[in-house]
Amino acid sequence: MLKERKDASGEWTGPQGTILFRPEELAEVIASPSADSEGDVDRAALVGTSAPFENQRFVLKRGKTLIGRREDNDIILPDDSVSAQHAWVLHDEGRYRVINMLSTNGTFINDAKAHDGPLQDGDRVRFGRAEFVFRTGAAQGGTKPRPRGTPAWVWVAAVAVLGLAAAALTLL
C-alpha cells in the first residue's frame, strides 16, 4: 500500500516524491503547461481573455503552432469546448493566420467564424469558448493595433454628403 507524506518543504507528496495537488490547484496546473512566462514579450502570442486562461500568454512558434485539448498540441487548452486538435496558427514571412481543423465548436476571429483567416495585432481569436487576443510581439516588427475609433466607411460617407451639399449650393 502506498502512503502519502510531507516533504521537507511541508508539501504533501505521493510515491517517489510525486506532488499531490488540491482540487482547486489542479485546474491552474493543467491550464499552464504551454503558457510562457511574461519575459518573452518579443514573440507573437495569444493572450487569454476568458477563464481559466485569463491573462495567460501562449507564445506562438515560428512555423506551425498546434492548438487543442490533447497533450500533444503545442498549446494545450483543457476546456471541453475545445477539440482534441482544434486549430493551427501558421507563421510565414512575418504573417500569421489561423486554420480551423474541423473542430466541433469552431474557430472565430473577431466573432466571425473562420476556416482559414489572417491574424492582425489586436484580433480576438476564439477556440470554442476559450477566447484570446492575438499580439504580434515587438521582435516581429508588429503592426500598431488597429484604431478602434470611427470606421473608414463613416468618413467616406461624410465626404460624399459634403460633396453633394457643395454641389447643391453651387446650383443655387
C-alpha atoms as a PDB file:
ATOM      1  CA  MET A   1       0.000   0.000   0.000  1.00  0.00           C
ATOM      2  CA  LEU A   2       1.352   3.447  -0.970  1.00  0.00           C
ATOM      3  CA  LYS A   3       1.498   6.126   1.700  1.00  0.00           C
ATOM      4  CA  GLU A   4       1.365   9.893   1.354  1.00  0.00           C
ATOM      5  CA  ARG A   5       3.808  12.034   3.309  1.00  0.00           C
ATOM      6  CA  LYS A   6       5.052  15.584   3.639  1.00  0.00           C
ATOM      7  CA  ASP A   7       8.402  16.531   2.090  1.00  0.00           C
ATOM      8  CA  ALA A   8      10.977  18.924   3.622  1.00  0.00           C
ATOM      9  CA  SER A   9       9.017  21.984   2.417  1.00  0.00           C
ATOM     10  CA  GLY A  10       5.812  20.760   4.037  1.00  0.00           C
ATOM     11  CA  GLU A  11       4.095  19.819   0.720  1.00  0.00           C
ATOM     12  CA  TRP A  12       2.105  16.597   0.573  1.00  0.00           C
ATOM     13  CA  THR A  13       3.765  14.076  -1.717  1.00  0.00           C
ATOM     14  CA  GLY A  14       2.824  10.720  -3.106  1.00  0.00           C
ATOM     15  CA  PRO A  15       5.040   7.767  -4.040  1.00  0.00           C
ATOM     16  CA  GLN A  16       8.590   8.682  -5.086  1.00  0.00           C
ATOM     17  CA  GLY A  17       8.031  12.355  -4.208  1.00  0.00           C
ATOM     18  CA  THR A  18       5.190  12.962  -6.668  1.00  0.00           C
ATOM     19  CA  ILE A  19       3.447  16.185  -5.647  1.00  0.00           C
ATOM     20  CA  LEU A  20      -0.253  15.871  -4.909  1.00  0.00           C
ATOM     21  CA  PHE A  21      -2.432  18.862  -5.782  1.00  0.00           C
ATOM     22  CA  ARG A  22      -5.551  20.065  -4.056  1.00  0.00           C
ATOM     23  CA  PRO A  23      -8.581  20.114  -6.447  1.00  0.00           C
ATOM     24  CA  GLU A  24      -8.615  23.932  -6.583  1.00  0.00           C
ATOM     25  CA  GLU A  25      -4.946  23.948  -7.701  1.00  0.00           C
ATOM     26  CA  LEU A  26      -5.399  21.295 -10.370  1.00  0.00           C
ATOM     27  CA  ALA A  27      -7.238  23.461 -12.946  1.00  0.00           C
ATOM     28  CA  GLU A  28      -4.471  26.062 -12.752  1.00  0.00           C
ATOM     29  CA  VAL A  29      -1.717  23.459 -13.144  1.00  0.00           C
ATOM     30  CA  ILE A  30      -3.436  21.794 -16.111  1.00  0.00           C
ATOM     31  CA  ALA A  31      -4.055  25.120 -17.873  1.00  0.00           C
ATOM     32  CA  SER A  32      -0.481  26.340 -17.613  1.00  0.00           C
ATOM     33  CA  PRO A  33       1.880  23.769 -19.210  1.00  0.00           C
ATOM     34  CA  SER A  34       2.125  25.598 -22.522  1.00  0.00           C
ATOM     35  CA  ALA A  35       1.819  29.135 -21.161  1.00  0.00           C
ATOM     36  CA  ASP A  36       5.096  31.002 -21.283  1.00  0.00           C
ATOM     37  CA  SER A  37       6.356  33.500 -18.796  1.00  0.00           C
ATOM     38  CA  GLU A  38       5.867  37.235 -19.134  1.00  0.00           C
ATOM     39  CA  GLY A  39       9.528  37.558 -20.142  1.00  0.00           C
ATOM     40  CA  ASP A  40       9.075  36.513 -23.778  1.00  0.00           C
ATOM     41  CA  VAL A  41       7.100  39.583 -24.890  1.00  0.00           C
ATOM     42  CA  ASP A  42       9.097  39.941 -28.121  1.00  0.00           C
ATOM     43  CA  ARG A  43       7.357  36.940 -29.709  1.00  0.00           C
ATOM     44  CA  ALA A  44       3.858  36.653 -31.135  1.00  0.00           C
ATOM     45  CA  ALA A  45       1.375  35.229 -28.661  1.00  0.00           C
ATOM     46  CA  LEU A  46      -2.227  34.561 -27.787  1.00  0.00           C
ATOM     47  CA  VAL A  47      -3.197  36.289 -24.526  1.00  0.00           C
ATOM     48  CA  GLY A  48      -6.151  34.761 -22.698  1.00  0.00           C
ATOM     49  CA  THR A  49      -9.222  36.896 -22.064  1.00  0.00           C
ATOM     50  CA  SER A  50     -11.610  34.203 -20.763  1.00  0.00           C
ATOM     51  CA  ALA A  51     -11.390  31.968 -17.697  1.00  0.00           C
ATOM     52  CA  PRO A  52      -9.390  29.855 -16.970  1.00  0.00           C
ATOM     53  CA  PHE A  53      -6.877  31.304 -19.442  1.00  0.00           C
ATOM     54  CA  GLU A  54      -7.312  34.953 -18.464  1.00  0.00           C
ATOM     55  CA  ASN A  55      -4.021  36.918 -18.703  1.00  0.00           C
ATOM     56  CA  GLN A  56      -2.033  33.804 -19.672  1.00  0.00           C
ATOM     57  CA  ARG A  57       0.345  34.397 -22.570  1.00  0.00           C
ATOM     58  CA  PHE A  58       0.782  31.496 -25.001  1.00  0.00           C
ATOM     59  CA  VAL A  59       3.807  32.158 -27.216  1.00  0.00           C
ATOM     60  CA  LEU A  60       3.421  31.045 -30.845  1.00  0.00           C
ATOM     61  CA  LYS A  61       6.113  29.061 -32.614  1.00  0.00           C
ATOM     62  CA  ARG A  62       7.658  30.144 -35.860  1.00  0.00           C
ATOM     63  CA  GLY A  63       6.152  27.884 -38.497  1.00  0.00           C
ATOM     64  CA  LYS A  64       3.111  25.952 -37.210  1.00  0.00           C
ATOM     65  CA  THR A  65       1.610  26.015 -33.705  1.00  0.00           C
ATOM     66  CA  LEU A  66      -0.923  23.284 -32.912  1.00  0.00           C
ATOM     67  CA  ILE A  67      -3.764  24.234 -30.569  1.00  0.00           C
ATOM     68  CA  GLY A  68      -6.176  21.853 -28.897  1.00  0.00           C
ATOM     69  CA  ARG A  69      -7.207  19.889 -25.859  1.00  0.00           C
ATOM     70  CA  ARG A  70      -4.871  16.919 -26.390  1.00  0.00           C
ATOM     71  CA  GLU A  71      -1.488  16.800 -24.676  1.00  0.00           C
ATOM     72  CA  ASP A  72       0.498  16.520 -27.931  1.00  0.00           C
ATOM     73  CA  ASN A  73      -0.520  20.054 -29.022  1.00  0.00           C
ATOM     74  CA  ASP A  74       1.883  22.986 -28.715  1.00  0.00           C
ATOM     75  CA  ILE A  75      -0.779  24.987 -26.859  1.00  0.00           C
ATOM     76  CA  ILE A  76      -2.928  22.805 -24.630  1.00  0.00           C
ATOM     77  CA  LEU A  77      -6.365  24.188 -23.765  1.00  0.00           C
ATOM     78  CA  PRO A  78      -8.056  21.794 -21.314  1.00  0.00           C
ATOM     79  CA  ASP A  79     -11.590  23.025 -21.949  1.00  0.00           C
ATOM     80  CA  ASP A  80     -14.450  20.771 -23.069  1.00  0.00           C
ATOM     81  CA  SER A  81     -15.455  23.269 -25.794  1.00  0.00           C
ATOM     82  CA  VAL A  82     -12.024  22.885 -27.445  1.00  0.00           C
ATOM     83  CA  SER A  83     -11.493  19.926 -29.789  1.00  0.00           C
ATOM     84  CA  ALA A  84      -8.609  17.491 -29.346  1.00  0.00           C
ATOM     85  CA  GLN A  85      -6.891  19.066 -32.379  1.00  0.00           C
ATOM     86  CA  HIS A  86      -8.741  22.343 -32.760  1.00  0.00           C
ATOM     87  CA  ALA A  87      -6.650  24.678 -34.934  1.00  0.00           C
ATOM     88  CA  TRP A  88      -3.251  25.680 -36.276  1.00  0.00           C
ATOM     89  CA  VAL A  89      -1.657  29.101 -36.206  1.00  0.00           C
ATOM     90  CA  LEU A  90       0.765  29.426 -39.101  1.00  0.00           C
ATOM     91  CA  HIS A  91       3.615  31.929 -39.241  1.00  0.00           C
ATOM     92  CA  ASP A  92       5.043  32.599 -42.694  1.00  0.00           C
ATOM     93  CA  GLU A  93       7.225  35.552 -43.674  1.00  0.00           C
ATOM     94  CA  GLY A  94       6.036  37.714 -40.786  1.00  0.00           C
ATOM     95  CA  ARG A  95       2.344  36.991 -41.321  1.00  0.00           C
ATOM     96  CA  TYR A  96       0.092  34.906 -39.129  1.00  0.00           C
ATOM     97  CA  ARG A  97      -3.085  33.019 -39.973  1.00  0.00           C
ATOM     98  CA  VAL A  98      -5.331  30.631 -38.093  1.00  0.00           C
ATOM     99  CA  ILE A  99      -6.685  27.458 -39.681  1.00  0.00           C
ATOM    100  CA  ASN A 100      -9.573  25.556 -38.097  1.00  0.00           C
ATOM    101  CA  MET A 101      -9.041  21.784 -38.044  1.00  0.00           C
ATOM    102  CA  LEU A 102     -12.700  20.748 -38.440  1.00  0.00           C
ATOM    103  CA  SER A 103     -13.333  21.391 -34.758  1.00  0.00           C
ATOM    104  CA  THR A 104     -16.745  20.759 -33.269  1.00  0.00           C
ATOM    105  CA  ASN A 105     -17.294  24.264 -31.857  1.00  0.00           C
ATOM    106  CA  GLY A 106     -15.417  26.286 -34.468  1.00  0.00           C
ATOM    107  CA  THR A 107     -12.711  28.923 -34.595  1.00  0.00           C
ATOM    108  CA  PHE A 108     -13.643  32.602 -34.660  1.00  0.00           C
ATOM    109  CA  ILE A 109     -11.727  35.787 -35.493  1.00  0.00           C
ATOM    110  CA  ASN A 110     -13.418  38.920 -34.108  1.00  0.00           C
ATOM    111  CA  ASP A 111     -16.674  36.943 -33.688  1.00  0.00           C
ATOM    112  CA  ALA A 112     -16.722  35.801 -37.345  1.00  0.00           C
ATOM    113  CA  LYS A 113     -16.459  32.039 -37.915  1.00  0.00           C
ATOM    114  CA  ALA A 114     -13.203  31.300 -39.741  1.00  0.00           C
ATOM    115  CA  HIS A 115     -11.880  28.240 -41.509  1.00  0.00           C
ATOM    116  CA  ASP A 116      -8.680  29.945 -42.667  1.00  0.00           C
ATOM    117  CA  GLY A 117      -8.090  33.601 -41.852  1.00  0.00           C
ATOM    118  CA  PRO A 118      -5.299  36.134 -41.374  1.00  0.00           C
ATOM    119  CA  LEU A 119      -4.483  37.486 -37.933  1.00  0.00           C
ATOM    120  CA  GLN A 120      -3.560  41.075 -37.135  1.00  0.00           C
ATOM    121  CA  ASP A 121      -2.384  42.541 -33.860  1.00  0.00           C
ATOM    122  CA  GLY A 122      -5.352  43.041 -31.547  1.00  0.00           C
ATOM    123  CA  ASP A 123      -7.645  40.491 -33.232  1.00  0.00           C
ATOM    124  CA  ARG A 124      -9.827  38.452 -30.874  1.00  0.00           C
ATOM    125  CA  VAL A 125      -9.480  34.721 -31.536  1.00  0.00           C
ATOM    126  CA  ARG A 126     -11.829  32.124 -30.036  1.00  0.00           C
ATOM    127  CA  PHE A 127     -11.490  28.333 -29.982  1.00  0.00           C
ATOM    128  CA  GLY A 128     -14.834  27.019 -28.718  1.00  0.00           C
ATOM    129  CA  ARG A 129     -15.390  29.147 -25.589  1.00  0.00           C
ATOM    130  CA  ALA A 130     -11.673  29.849 -24.999  1.00  0.00           C
ATOM    131  CA  GLU A 131     -11.004  33.444 -26.095  1.00  0.00           C
ATOM    132  CA  PHE A 132      -7.690  35.218 -26.697  1.00  0.00           C
ATOM    133  CA  VAL A 133      -6.234  38.415 -28.129  1.00  0.00           C
ATOM    134  CA  PHE A 134      -3.550  37.961 -30.791  1.00  0.00           C
ATOM    135  CA  ARG A 135      -0.363  40.024 -30.210  1.00  0.00           C
ATOM    136  CA  THR A 136       2.412  40.140 -32.801  1.00  0.00           C
ATOM    137  CA  GLY A 137       5.222  40.972 -30.371  1.00  0.00           C
ATOM    138  CA  ALA A 138       7.963  43.600 -30.744  1.00  0.00           C
ATOM    139  CA  ALA A 139      10.535  41.308 -32.419  1.00  0.00           C
ATOM    140  CA  GLN A 140       8.136  40.546 -35.244  1.00  0.00           C
ATOM    141  CA  GLY A 141       8.019  44.200 -36.215  1.00  0.00           C
ATOM    142  CA  GLY A 142       4.416  44.031 -35.160  1.00  0.00           C
ATOM    143  CA  THR A 143       1.912  46.398 -36.562  1.00  0.00           C
ATOM    144  CA  LYS A 144       0.315  49.012 -34.390  1.00  0.00           C
ATOM    145  CA  PRO A 145      -3.051  47.983 -33.021  1.00  0.00           C
ATOM    146  CA  ARG A 146      -5.851  48.910 -35.373  1.00  0.00           C
ATOM    147  CA  PRO A 147      -7.644  52.038 -34.272  1.00  0.00           C
ATOM    148  CA  ARG A 148     -10.979  51.268 -32.693  1.00  0.00           C
ATOM    149  CA  GLY A 149     -12.398  54.715 -33.476  1.00  0.00           C
ATOM    150  CA  THR A 150     -14.673  55.761 -36.317  1.00  0.00           C
ATOM    151  CA  PRO A 151     -14.816  53.204 -39.176  1.00  0.00           C
ATOM    152  CA  ALA A 152     -13.479  54.336 -42.567  1.00  0.00           C
ATOM    153  CA  TRP A 153     -16.881  54.000 -44.263  1.00  0.00           C
ATOM    154  CA  VAL A 154     -18.284  56.711 -41.975  1.00  0.00           C
ATOM    155  CA  TRP A 155     -15.578  59.139 -43.159  1.00  0.00           C
ATOM    156  CA  VAL A 156     -16.218  58.234 -46.807  1.00  0.00           C
ATOM    157  CA  ALA A 157     -19.960  58.785 -46.349  1.00  0.00           C
ATOM    158  CA  ALA A 158     -19.341  62.150 -44.639  1.00  0.00           C
ATOM    159  CA  VAL A 159     -17.114  63.328 -47.508  1.00  0.00           C
ATOM    160  CA  ALA A 160     -19.752  62.202 -50.033  1.00  0.00           C
ATOM    161  CA  VAL A 161     -22.507  64.105 -48.192  1.00  0.00           C
ATOM    162  CA  LEU A 162     -20.344  67.240 -48.009  1.00  0.00           C
ATOM    163  CA  GLY A 163     -19.594  66.920 -51.721  1.00  0.00           C
ATOM    164  CA  LEU A 164     -23.295  66.662 -52.575  1.00  0.00           C
ATOM    165  CA  ALA A 165     -24.089  69.647 -50.321  1.00  0.00           C
ATOM    166  CA  ALA A 166     -21.388  71.723 -52.028  1.00  0.00           C
ATOM    167  CA  ALA A 167     -22.724  70.744 -55.476  1.00  0.00           C
ATOM    168  CA  ALA A 168     -26.286  71.692 -54.417  1.00  0.00           C
ATOM    169  CA  LEU A 169     -25.090  75.083 -53.179  1.00  0.00           C
ATOM    170  CA  THR A 170     -23.390  75.847 -56.497  1.00  0.00           C
ATOM    171  CA  LEU A 171     -26.686  75.224 -58.321  1.00  0.00           C
ATOM    172  CA  LEU A 172     -28.493  77.868 -56.248  1.00  0.00           C
END
